[in-house]
């Protein structure tokens, strides 16, 4: 699975004002719902928030990968976002998060979910890529950089 299968230019946002974890999850939900008419923003938000309550999806080095499963979802959907400043995401290293990749996955597609999470986590181990993504101010450039990896 490559990022071009998960992302669209419209689901990549650079330098978003985050303020809080809930606000970021809400923004991610709005982005997904705007492009996927079968998904309601409120349902996406509730599912992402419920997953966060099970345990943080904030990893380390300023990276978070919020994710959830939804019955109404018909394919794996990704959203890539950089924040204009780091926010508290309850990350495992207690550092602020400024690089977020959200995944929305159809229920019952556990293999795809696990595979996508693993690939994204692995991708974000590349310090040069993370640096470049963080320095990008344009949504389309963010998309192009992400899919070129």
Protein backbone atom coordinates (compact mmCIF):
# COMPACT_ATOMS: atom_id res chain seq x y z
CA UNK A 1 0.00 0.00 0.00
CA UNK A 2 1.43 3.36 -0.98
CA UNK A 3 0.36 6.77 0.22
CA UNK A 4 -1.11 7.67 -3.15
CA UNK A 5 -3.80 5.05 -2.45
CA UNK A 6 -4.66 6.71 0.89
CA UNK A 7 -4.28 10.43 0.25
CA UNK A 8 -5.63 13.07 -2.09
CA UNK A 9 -4.36 16.64 -2.38
CA UNK A 10 -7.57 17.77 -0.67
CA UNK A 11 -6.77 15.60 2.36
CA UNK A 12 -3.36 17.17 2.92
CA UNK A 13 -3.18 20.34 4.98
CA UNK A 14 -0.06 22.28 5.86
CA UNK A 15 0.40 24.50 8.90
CA UNK A 16 -3.07 24.11 10.40
CA UNK A 17 -3.77 25.88 13.67
CA UNK A 18 -4.28 22.99 16.07
CA UNK A 19 -4.85 24.48 19.55
CA UNK A 20 -5.84 21.12 21.12
CA UNK A 21 -6.12 17.42 20.42
CA UNK A 22 -9.91 17.64 20.17
CA UNK A 23 -9.71 20.53 17.74
CA UNK A 24 -7.27 18.59 15.55
CA UNK A 25 -9.52 15.51 15.60
CA UNK A 26 -12.48 17.72 14.70
CA UNK A 27 -10.59 19.28 11.80
CA UNK A 28 -9.53 15.84 10.55
CA UNK A 29 -13.17 14.70 10.73
CA UNK A 30 -14.35 17.70 8.73
CA UNK A 31 -11.73 17.04 6.04
CA UNK A 32 -12.78 13.40 5.72
CA UNK A 33 -16.50 14.20 5.62
CA UNK A 34 -16.01 16.91 2.99
CA UNK A 35 -14.49 14.39 0.61
CA UNK A 36 -16.41 11.26 1.56
CA UNK A 37 -20.15 11.98 1.46
CA UNK A 38 -21.05 8.65 3.08
CA UNK A 39 -19.23 9.74 6.26
CA UNK A 40 -20.57 12.32 8.69
CA UNK A 41 -18.06 14.56 10.42
CA UNK A 42 -19.66 13.93 13.83
CA UNK A 43 -19.39 10.14 13.40
CA UNK A 44 -15.76 10.34 12.33
CA UNK A 45 -14.95 12.63 15.25
CA UNK A 46 -16.73 10.35 17.75
CA UNK A 47 -14.85 7.30 16.43
CA UNK A 48 -11.47 9.04 16.52
CA UNK A 49 -12.13 10.35 20.02
CA UNK A 50 -13.28 6.93 21.25
CA UNK A 51 -10.06 5.41 19.90
CA UNK A 52 -7.99 8.06 21.69
CA UNK A 53 -9.75 7.20 24.94
CA UNK A 54 -8.46 3.63 24.60
CA UNK A 55 -4.90 4.95 24.48
CA UNK A 56 -3.04 7.74 22.81
CA UNK A 57 -2.12 7.58 19.15
CA UNK A 58 0.57 10.19 19.81
CA UNK A 59 3.84 8.41 19.16
CA UNK A 60 7.13 10.19 19.65
CA UNK A 61 9.14 12.85 17.85
CA UNK A 62 6.07 15.05 17.33
CA UNK A 63 4.06 12.45 15.40
CA UNK A 64 0.51 11.19 15.91
CA UNK A 65 -1.45 8.63 13.90
CA UNK A 66 -5.07 8.88 15.02
CA UNK A 67 -7.17 6.11 13.50
CA UNK A 68 -10.55 4.43 13.71
CA UNK A 69 -12.85 1.95 12.04
CA UNK A 70 -16.24 2.93 10.64
CA UNK A 71 -18.92 0.70 9.14
CA UNK A 72 -19.90 3.38 6.59
CA UNK A 73 -16.34 3.66 5.29
CA UNK A 74 -15.77 1.82 2.00
CA UNK A 75 -12.00 2.20 1.65
CA UNK A 76 -8.94 3.16 3.69
CA UNK A 77 -8.80 6.96 3.90
CA UNK A 78 -5.80 8.99 4.98
CA UNK A 79 -5.40 12.63 5.99
CA UNK A 80 -1.98 14.23 6.38
CA UNK A 81 -1.69 17.42 8.38
CA UNK A 82 1.10 19.54 9.76
CA UNK A 83 0.36 21.95 12.58
CA UNK A 84 1.64 25.50 12.81
CA UNK A 85 2.86 24.68 16.32
CA UNK A 86 3.06 21.56 18.43
CA UNK A 87 0.13 20.63 20.66
CA UNK A 88 -0.32 18.29 23.60
CA UNK A 89 -1.49 14.97 22.14
CA UNK A 90 -0.66 12.82 25.17
CA UNK A 91 2.23 11.41 23.13
CA UNK A 92 4.20 8.56 24.66
CA UNK A 93 7.29 10.77 24.90
CA UNK A 94 5.22 13.68 26.35
CA UNK A 95 6.46 15.95 23.54
CA UNK A 96 4.14 18.20 21.50
CA UNK A 97 2.78 16.83 18.21
CA UNK A 98 2.95 18.79 14.95
CA UNK A 99 2.76 16.02 12.33
CA UNK A 100 -0.49 14.06 12.10
CA UNK A 101 -1.57 11.26 9.78
CA UNK A 102 -5.13 10.08 10.34
CA UNK A 103 -6.52 6.79 9.06
CA UNK A 104 -10.18 5.89 8.67
CA UNK A 105 -10.65 2.21 7.86
CA UNK A 106 -13.72 0.11 7.02
CA UNK A 107 -14.86 -2.23 9.78
CA UNK A 108 -13.75 -5.80 9.20
CA UNK A 109 -10.64 -4.84 7.25
CA UNK A 110 -8.24 -5.42 10.13
CA UNK A 111 -5.37 -6.60 7.92
CA UNK A 112 -5.44 -3.42 5.87
CA UNK A 113 -5.70 -1.34 9.05
CA UNK A 114 -2.66 -2.95 10.64
CA UNK A 115 -0.67 -2.85 7.41
CA UNK A 116 -1.42 0.85 6.81
CA UNK A 117 -0.58 1.78 10.41
CA UNK A 118 2.71 -0.09 10.19
CA UNK A 119 3.69 1.49 6.91
CA UNK A 120 2.87 5.00 8.08
CA UNK A 121 4.71 4.53 11.37
CA UNK A 122 7.70 3.20 9.43
CA UNK A 123 7.56 6.11 7.00
CA UNK A 124 7.69 8.60 9.86
CA UNK A 125 10.92 7.03 11.11
CA UNK A 126 12.60 8.95 8.27
CA UNK A 127 13.85 12.12 9.97
CA UNK A 128 14.58 13.85 6.65
CA UNK A 129 11.04 13.25 5.41
CA UNK A 130 9.54 14.54 8.66
CA UNK A 131 11.74 17.62 8.50
CA UNK A 132 10.70 18.32 4.91
CA UNK A 133 7.00 17.84 5.69
CA UNK A 134 7.28 20.21 8.64
CA UNK A 135 8.91 22.90 6.47
CA UNK A 136 6.18 22.78 3.83
CA UNK A 137 3.61 25.58 3.77
CA UNK A 138 1.51 24.50 0.79
CA UNK A 139 -1.14 21.75 0.86
CA UNK A 140 -0.37 20.44 -2.62
CA UNK A 141 3.37 20.42 -1.92
CA UNK A 142 2.66 18.43 1.24
CA UNK A 143 0.76 15.87 -0.83
CA UNK A 144 3.49 15.66 -3.48
CA UNK A 145 6.26 15.20 -0.93
CA UNK A 146 4.28 12.49 0.87
CA UNK A 147 3.50 10.43 -2.22
CA UNK A 148 7.06 10.68 -3.56
CA UNK A 149 8.36 8.62 -0.64
